[in-house]
Amino acid sequence: MPEEIHTPVTAEEIAHAFEEEAVAVDLKLYAVEDWVTLAVFWAMALAVFLQFFTRYVLNNSLAWTEEIAINCLVVVVFLGSVMCVRMSRHIRVDVLYHYLPRQVGRGLAVFVDLVQIGFFAYASVLLWRYVTIVADERMVTIDLPRNVVF
């Protein structure tokens, strides 16, 4: 087994690491749906914490917290995917484009975009089918149709 090598670092070097200039934060990248997603995420976190607290600390669980957390998760997933598409943050293999000729890379990128559009169109059709299936179901805790969330 190889021996681990640890580079010694002085306390002064560690202290100077905190003196580096802070990078300016640019919030212009984010759209309205990103802030809505953040708010819904924290509402979901609060619902999950409330569920944990009431179930394991108070030993008297609130039934509505689970459904609220599930609905918040659905909203976060859908709005988060919108943000990832807009910012081009979905997982992909970029290294391949560096080794291909420019025209081939451009053609491959167009093909990938068309496949992506086809996938989103198919996902939308599936979602619409699901919405029509659950249209008559009511939520347990809120007297609204289940398809309102979707």
Foldseek 3Di string as FASTA:
>chain_A
DDDDDDDDDDPVNVVVVVVDDDDDDDPPLDDPLVVVLVVLVVVLVVLVVQQCCCCPPVVHGDPVSVVSNVLSVLSNVVSVVVSCVVVVPDDDDPVVLVPDPPVVSVVVVVVVVVVVVVVVVVVVVVLVVVLVVQQPPADDPDGDGPSVSD
